[in-house]
Amino acid sequence: MRLTEIRLAGFGGQGVILSAIVLGKAASIYQGAFATMTQNFGPEARGGACSAQLVLSDSPVLYPYVTQPDILVVMSQEAYVRFGPELKDGGIMIVEQDLVRVSDLKQGIQVYSIPATRIAEGLGKRMVLNSVMVGFFTAITYLLEPEAVRKAVADSVPPSFRELNLKAFEKGLEYGATALTTGANPADAKLQMQYARE
C-alpha cells in the first residue's frame, strides 16, 4: 500500500483509540506492512474530544504524524467541525451517520456514512460501535485485508467481548460492501442530491 494518512476522531468512550490500534495492528502484524499511531485526548476521559493519527505504508514510516489525512473517520459533530477542513482534496470521509451532519465540504471528497451506534445497539452493546466502524472502514477503503483486520479485532479486545466485537466487525464490513456494490452509500443519497442542486 502507498503511504496513507488517517485520522480517527470522536469523543471519549467511543473507542476511537482502540479503532486506531486495531487498524495499525492489522497492517503491521497481520499484513506485513508498517504503521505508526499517535493519539490525543481532551482533559475529560469519557465525553471529551479524542483523536488518533495513523500512518500506514508498505515501507518504513519516517514521520509518524498526519499532515493532511487521506482518510478521515469522524464519530462526533465536534470532530467533524475540528478536523473536516484538514482532509485532503479527493479524500475519503467516513462518518457516524446519526451523530455527524455533513456540510460545506470541499469538492471531490467522497463521503460514506453508517449508523454505527444503532447497529451496535442492535447487537446489544453500544460500546462495540468502534468495531462496526472498523469493519465499515475495511470495506470502503480497500487498504487492509478483511482477515488481517478480523485477527486484529480478536487480538485487541477482552476475551469476554471477542465474539460480540467480531459480530460488530462483520456487520460493518457487510454494510460497507453493500454501499459499494450499489454504487453509492444509501445513507448519502440525500446529501448527494443536495450537492447536485448547489
Protein backbone atom coordinates (compact mmCIF):
# COMPACT_ATOMS: atom_id res chain seq x y z
CA MET A 1 0.00 0.00 0.00
CA ARG A 2 1.18 3.55 -0.64
CA LEU A 3 1.72 5.76 2.39
CA THR A 4 -1.73 6.66 3.70
CA GLU A 5 -2.50 9.17 6.44
CA ILE A 6 -5.62 8.53 8.52
CA ARG A 7 -7.25 10.47 11.33
CA LEU A 8 -9.95 8.97 13.53
CA ALA A 9 -11.81 11.33 15.83
CA GLY A 10 -14.79 11.44 18.14
CA PHE A 11 -15.32 11.66 21.86
CA GLY A 12 -14.02 9.58 24.76
CA GLY A 13 -15.93 6.34 25.24
CA GLN A 14 -16.46 5.65 21.52
CA GLY A 15 -13.35 3.50 21.19
CA VAL A 16 -11.50 5.87 18.84
CA ILE A 17 -8.05 4.90 20.14
CA LEU A 18 -8.86 1.18 20.10
CA SER A 19 -10.02 1.51 16.47
CA ALA A 20 -6.65 3.00 15.51
CA ILE A 21 -4.80 0.29 17.44
CA VAL A 22 -6.78 -2.43 15.63
CA LEU A 23 -6.11 -0.96 12.18
CA GLY A 24 -2.43 -0.39 12.92
CA LYS A 25 -2.05 -3.92 14.28
CA ALA A 26 -3.82 -5.37 11.22
CA ALA A 27 -1.37 -3.57 8.92
CA SER A 28 1.85 -4.16 10.84
CA ILE A 29 1.36 -7.58 12.43
CA TYR A 30 -1.10 -9.41 10.21
CA GLN A 31 -0.40 -7.86 6.81
CA GLY A 32 3.36 -7.28 6.95
CA ALA A 33 3.16 -3.53 6.35
CA PHE A 34 4.30 -0.61 8.55
CA ALA A 35 2.21 1.57 10.85
CA THR A 36 2.60 4.40 13.36
CA MET A 37 -0.05 5.70 15.73
CA THR A 38 -0.25 8.82 17.89
CA GLN A 39 -3.20 9.93 19.98
CA ASN A 40 -4.57 12.82 22.00
CA PHE A 41 -7.42 13.32 24.44
CA GLY A 42 -9.32 16.22 25.94
CA PRO A 43 -8.99 16.77 29.69
CA GLU A 44 -12.10 14.65 30.28
CA ALA A 45 -11.74 10.90 29.76
CA ARG A 46 -15.29 9.97 28.74
CA GLY A 47 -17.16 12.52 26.66
CA GLY A 48 -14.14 14.74 25.91
CA ALA A 49 -12.60 15.21 22.46
CA CYS A 50 -10.42 12.33 21.36
CA SER A 51 -8.44 11.61 18.20
CA ALA A 52 -5.82 9.25 16.83
CA GLN A 53 -3.45 9.64 13.91
CA LEU A 54 -2.47 6.58 11.93
CA VAL A 55 0.08 6.33 9.13
CA LEU A 56 0.14 3.10 7.10
CA SER A 57 2.69 2.20 4.44
CA ASP A 58 4.38 -0.74 2.74
CA SER A 59 7.75 0.83 3.61
CA PRO A 60 9.06 2.21 6.93
CA VAL A 61 7.25 5.35 8.09
CA LEU A 62 9.74 8.19 8.54
CA TYR A 63 7.37 10.78 10.03
CA PRO A 64 4.68 9.49 12.43
CA TYR A 65 2.31 12.47 12.36
CA VAL A 66 -0.56 13.12 9.98
CA THR A 67 -0.01 16.30 7.98
CA GLN A 68 -3.12 16.13 5.77
CA PRO A 69 -5.25 12.99 6.08
CA ASP A 70 -6.18 10.93 3.04
CA ILE A 71 -8.95 9.35 5.14
CA LEU A 72 -10.90 10.94 7.96
CA VAL A 73 -13.17 8.92 10.26
CA VAL A 74 -15.43 11.15 12.37
CA MET A 75 -17.77 9.93 15.08
CA SER A 76 -18.97 13.25 16.53
CA GLN A 77 -20.03 16.66 15.25
CA GLU A 78 -17.24 18.34 17.20
CA ALA A 79 -14.70 16.10 15.47
CA TYR A 80 -16.21 16.93 12.08
CA VAL A 81 -16.04 20.69 12.69
CA ARG A 82 -12.50 20.49 14.03
CA PHE A 83 -10.88 18.06 11.60
CA GLY A 84 -13.09 18.15 8.47
CA PRO A 85 -11.18 21.06 6.87
CA GLU A 86 -7.89 19.11 7.13
CA LEU A 87 -9.00 16.34 4.76
CA LYS A 88 -7.02 16.18 1.52
CA ASP A 89 -8.78 17.09 -1.75
CA GLY A 90 -10.26 13.90 -3.15
CA GLY A 91 -10.01 12.22 0.25
CA ILE A 92 -12.42 9.81 1.90
CA MET A 93 -14.59 10.82 4.84
CA ILE A 94 -16.32 8.15 6.91
CA VAL A 95 -18.94 9.44 9.34
CA GLU A 96 -21.22 8.14 12.08
CA GLN A 97 -24.50 8.86 10.32
CA ASP A 98 -26.62 9.68 13.37
CA LEU A 99 -24.05 11.88 15.15
CA VAL A 100 -22.49 13.88 12.30
CA ARG A 101 -24.16 16.36 9.98
CA VAL A 102 -22.01 16.93 6.89
CA SER A 103 -21.99 20.35 5.21
CA ASP A 104 -19.66 22.78 3.42
CA LEU A 105 -17.42 20.06 2.00
CA LYS A 106 -14.58 20.70 -0.40
CA GLN A 107 -15.23 19.34 -3.88
CA GLY A 108 -14.10 15.82 -4.62
CA ILE A 109 -14.47 14.49 -1.07
CA GLN A 110 -16.08 11.03 -1.00
CA VAL A 111 -18.43 10.69 1.96
CA TYR A 112 -19.55 7.33 3.33
CA SER A 113 -21.81 7.12 6.36
CA ILE A 114 -23.01 4.33 8.61
CA PRO A 115 -25.37 4.29 11.61
CA ALA A 116 -22.67 2.52 13.64
CA THR A 117 -24.18 3.32 17.04
CA ARG A 118 -27.59 1.99 16.01
CA ILE A 119 -26.03 -1.19 14.59
CA ALA A 120 -24.06 -1.67 17.82
CA GLU A 121 -27.19 -1.16 19.91
CA GLY A 122 -28.94 -3.77 17.77
CA LEU A 123 -26.21 -6.21 18.79
CA GLY A 124 -26.88 -5.41 22.43
CA LYS A 125 -23.93 -3.14 23.35
CA ARG A 126 -23.38 0.42 22.16
CA MET A 127 -19.69 0.13 23.10
CA VAL A 128 -18.94 -2.04 20.03
CA LEU A 129 -19.69 0.82 17.62
CA ASN A 130 -15.93 1.13 17.08
CA SER A 131 -15.75 -2.43 15.73
CA VAL A 132 -18.68 -1.63 13.42
CA MET A 133 -16.72 1.41 12.18
CA VAL A 134 -13.56 -0.66 11.71
CA GLY A 135 -15.49 -3.15 9.57
CA PHE A 136 -17.02 -0.35 7.50
CA PHE A 137 -13.59 1.29 7.08
CA THR A 138 -12.15 -2.04 5.89
CA ALA A 139 -14.84 -2.47 3.23
CA ILE A 140 -14.80 1.12 1.99
CA THR A 141 -11.06 1.82 1.77
CA TYR A 142 -9.62 -1.49 0.44
CA LEU A 143 -6.46 -0.64 2.41
CA LEU A 144 -6.39 -3.72 4.62
CA GLU A 145 -7.31 -7.33 4.10
CA PRO A 146 -10.51 -8.23 6.00
CA GLU A 147 -8.87 -11.32 7.51
CA ALA A 148 -5.96 -9.23 8.86
CA VAL A 149 -8.39 -6.81 10.50
CA ARG A 150 -10.54 -9.64 11.82
CA LYS A 151 -7.48 -11.15 13.55
CA ALA A 152 -6.51 -7.74 14.95
CA VAL A 153 -10.03 -7.24 16.38
CA ALA A 154 -9.94 -10.67 18.03
CA ASP A 155 -6.48 -9.95 19.46
CA SER A 156 -7.28 -6.45 20.79
CA VAL A 157 -10.43 -6.88 22.85
CA PRO A 158 -11.05 -8.77 26.13
CA PRO A 159 -11.90 -12.46 25.58
CA SER A 160 -15.36 -11.98 27.11
CA PHE A 161 -16.23 -9.43 24.39
CA ARG A 162 -14.38 -11.07 21.48
CA GLU A 163 -17.40 -12.74 19.87
CA LEU A 164 -19.53 -9.58 20.14
CA ASN A 165 -16.79 -7.40 18.64
CA LEU A 166 -16.27 -9.83 15.77
CA LYS A 167 -20.03 -9.77 15.07
CA ALA A 168 -19.90 -5.96 15.09
CA PHE A 169 -16.93 -6.01 12.69
CA GLU A 170 -18.82 -8.30 10.29
CA LYS A 171 -21.89 -6.03 10.40
CA GLY A 172 -19.78 -3.00 9.48
CA LEU A 173 -17.97 -4.94 6.73
CA GLU A 174 -21.29 -6.09 5.30
CA TYR A 175 -22.78 -2.59 5.41
CA GLY A 176 -19.74 -1.20 3.58
CA ALA A 177 -19.79 -3.93 0.93
CA THR A 178 -23.47 -3.21 0.28
CA ALA A 179 -22.78 0.52 -0.05
CA LEU A 180 -20.06 -0.17 -2.63
CA THR A 181 -21.99 -2.74 -4.69
CA THR A 182 -25.00 -0.44 -5.02
CA GLY A 183 -22.67 2.24 -6.40
CA ALA A 184 -23.42 4.73 -3.64
CA ASN A 185 -23.86 4.80 0.06
CA PRO A 186 -27.67 4.69 0.51
CA ALA A 187 -27.36 6.89 3.58
CA ASP A 188 -25.72 9.61 1.46
CA ALA A 189 -28.37 9.78 -1.28
CA LYS A 190 -29.96 12.92 0.19
CA LEU A 191 -26.54 14.56 0.65
CA GLN A 192 -25.54 13.83 -2.95
CA MET A 193 -28.82 15.29 -4.23
CA GLN A 194 -28.22 18.41 -2.12
CA TYR A 195 -24.78 18.96 -3.64
CA ALA A 196 -26.11 18.30 -7.15
CA ARG A 197 -28.55 21.21 -6.68
CA GLU A 198 -25.88 23.63 -5.42
